[in-house]
Amino acid sequence: MVEISKPIQRRTRMPFGHYKRKIVVALLPGDVLSMRLERTPARLAYTAEIDDVFRTLAQWHAAAEVRRRREARKQKRLTEIS
């Protein structure tokens, strides 16, 4: 792997929601992730540390797994009752 020494920008394939604009994602030196709508100034970008983004995604995944297991237990109880 190569360390990030200069900004890398990529554009999404599909437009985002009702904005009908693509999202520009940038990986910046210092392990920062930046996102903004295409054709908007860089000062309107949303930025976050990559470790914060990873932590949030991991929490969302864990919460979804808990919901899935809870729903499976609920369905099992309903089928046992019937």
C-alpha atoms as a PDB file:
ATOM      1  CA  MET A   1       0.000   0.000   0.000  1.00  0.00           C
ATOM      2  CA  VAL A   2       1.006   3.591  -0.615  1.00  0.00           C
ATOM      3  CA  GLU A   3       0.721   6.323   2.006  1.00  0.00           C
ATOM      4  CA  ILE A   4      -1.441   9.305   1.092  1.00  0.00           C
ATOM      5  CA  SER A   5       0.898  12.194   0.294  1.00  0.00           C
ATOM      6  CA  LYS A   6      -1.368  14.250  -1.972  1.00  0.00           C
ATOM      7  CA  PRO A   7      -5.153  14.605  -2.287  1.00  0.00           C
ATOM      8  CA  ILE A   8      -6.976  11.951  -4.318  1.00  0.00           C
ATOM      9  CA  GLN A   9     -10.421  12.870  -5.681  1.00  0.00           C
ATOM     10  CA  ARG A  10     -13.047  10.633  -7.227  1.00  0.00           C
ATOM     11  CA  ARG A  11     -16.606  11.238  -8.382  1.00  0.00           C
ATOM     12  CA  THR A  12     -19.518   8.860  -7.747  1.00  0.00           C
ATOM     13  CA  ARG A  13     -21.248   7.146 -10.661  1.00  0.00           C
ATOM     14  CA  MET A  14     -24.824   8.042  -9.748  1.00  0.00           C
ATOM     15  CA  PRO A  15     -26.276  11.451  -8.788  1.00  0.00           C
ATOM     16  CA  PHE A  16     -27.141  11.976  -5.146  1.00  0.00           C
ATOM     17  CA  GLY A  17     -30.826  12.211  -4.255  1.00  0.00           C
ATOM     18  CA  HIS A  18     -32.905  15.161  -5.374  1.00  0.00           C
ATOM     19  CA  TYR A  19     -29.777  17.300  -5.876  1.00  0.00           C
ATOM     20  CA  LYS A  20     -29.123  15.487  -9.190  1.00  0.00           C
ATOM     21  CA  ARG A  21     -25.412  16.066  -8.661  1.00  0.00           C
ATOM     22  CA  LYS A  22     -22.668  13.557  -8.137  1.00  0.00           C
ATOM     23  CA  ILE A  23     -20.645  13.460  -4.927  1.00  0.00           C
ATOM     24  CA  VAL A  24     -16.934  14.208  -5.028  1.00  0.00           C
ATOM     25  CA  VAL A  25     -14.990  12.155  -2.476  1.00  0.00           C
ATOM     26  CA  ALA A  26     -11.449  13.153  -1.557  1.00  0.00           C
ATOM     27  CA  LEU A  27      -8.837  11.357   0.522  1.00  0.00           C
ATOM     28  CA  LEU A  28      -6.594  14.016   1.991  1.00  0.00           C
ATOM     29  CA  PRO A  29      -3.184  13.725   3.657  1.00  0.00           C
ATOM     30  CA  GLY A  30      -3.494  13.331   7.402  1.00  0.00           C
ATOM     31  CA  ASP A  31      -6.127  10.577   7.027  1.00  0.00           C
ATOM     32  CA  VAL A  32      -9.020  12.917   6.320  1.00  0.00           C
ATOM     33  CA  LEU A  33     -12.055  12.085   4.188  1.00  0.00           C
ATOM     34  CA  SER A  34     -13.869  14.940   2.452  1.00  0.00           C
ATOM     35  CA  MET A  35     -17.164  14.921   0.533  1.00  0.00           C
ATOM     36  CA  ARG A  36     -18.989  17.618  -1.377  1.00  0.00           C
ATOM     37  CA  LEU A  37     -21.506  17.926  -4.167  1.00  0.00           C
ATOM     38  CA  GLU A  38     -20.064  18.288  -7.650  1.00  0.00           C
ATOM     39  CA  ARG A  39     -19.755  21.862  -8.935  1.00  0.00           C
ATOM     40  CA  THR A  40     -19.750  23.343  -5.437  1.00  0.00           C
ATOM     41  CA  PRO A  41     -16.801  25.137  -3.828  1.00  0.00           C
ATOM     42  CA  ALA A  42     -14.381  23.120  -1.708  1.00  0.00           C
ATOM     43  CA  ARG A  43     -15.259  25.285   1.293  1.00  0.00           C
ATOM     44  CA  LEU A  44     -18.693  23.600   1.301  1.00  0.00           C
ATOM     45  CA  ALA A  45     -17.142  20.160   1.814  1.00  0.00           C
ATOM     46  CA  TYR A  46     -17.889  17.913   4.760  1.00  0.00           C
ATOM     47  CA  THR A  47     -14.760  16.431   6.301  1.00  0.00           C
ATOM     48  CA  ALA A  48     -14.085  13.751   8.889  1.00  0.00           C
ATOM     49  CA  GLU A  49     -11.165  11.776  10.209  1.00  0.00           C
ATOM     50  CA  ILE A  50     -11.014   8.338   8.604  1.00  0.00           C
ATOM     51  CA  ASP A  51     -10.891   6.577  11.986  1.00  0.00           C
ATOM     52  CA  ASP A  52     -14.119   8.333  13.034  1.00  0.00           C
ATOM     53  CA  VAL A  53     -15.822   7.223   9.807  1.00  0.00           C
ATOM     54  CA  PHE A  54     -14.623   3.644  10.315  1.00  0.00           C
ATOM     55  CA  ARG A  55     -15.815   3.612  13.933  1.00  0.00           C
ATOM     56  CA  THR A  56     -19.254   4.915  12.904  1.00  0.00           C
ATOM     57  CA  LEU A  57     -19.592   2.329  10.118  1.00  0.00           C
ATOM     58  CA  ALA A  58     -18.611  -0.460  12.526  1.00  0.00           C
ATOM     59  CA  GLN A  59     -21.232   0.732  15.042  1.00  0.00           C
ATOM     60  CA  TRP A  60     -23.911   0.840  12.329  1.00  0.00           C
ATOM     61  CA  HIS A  61     -23.003  -2.682  11.260  1.00  0.00           C
ATOM     62  CA  ALA A  62     -23.152  -3.954  14.854  1.00  0.00           C
ATOM     63  CA  ALA A  63     -26.532  -2.276  15.421  1.00  0.00           C
ATOM     64  CA  ALA A  64     -27.905  -3.821  12.211  1.00  0.00           C
ATOM     65  CA  GLU A  65     -26.705  -7.251  13.337  1.00  0.00           C
ATOM     66  CA  VAL A  66     -28.417  -6.796  16.712  1.00  0.00           C
ATOM     67  CA  ARG A  67     -31.660  -5.791  14.943  1.00  0.00           C
ATOM     68  CA  ARG A  68     -31.411  -8.802  12.634  1.00  0.00           C
ATOM     69  CA  ARG A  69     -30.912 -11.216  15.550  1.00  0.00           C
ATOM     70  CA  ARG A  70     -33.706  -9.612  17.560  1.00  0.00           C
ATOM     71  CA  GLU A  71     -36.075  -9.906  14.591  1.00  0.00           C
ATOM     72  CA  ALA A  72     -35.080 -13.556  14.088  1.00  0.00           C
ATOM     73  CA  ARG A  73     -35.829 -14.333  17.763  1.00  0.00           C
ATOM     74  CA  LYS A  74     -39.150 -12.534  17.486  1.00  0.00           C
ATOM     75  CA  GLN A  75     -40.107 -14.545  14.381  1.00  0.00           C
ATOM     76  CA  LYS A  76     -39.063 -17.773  16.102  1.00  0.00           C
ATOM     77  CA  ARG A  77     -41.275 -16.980  19.123  1.00  0.00           C
ATOM     78  CA  LEU A  78     -44.219 -16.167  16.854  1.00  0.00           C
ATOM     79  CA  THR A  79     -43.893 -19.458  14.975  1.00  0.00           C
ATOM     80  CA  GLU A  80     -43.658 -21.411  18.272  1.00  0.00           C
ATOM     81  CA  ILE A  81     -46.863 -19.821  19.538  1.00  0.00           C
ATOM     82  CA  SER A  82     -48.826 -20.628  16.374  1.00  0.00           C
END
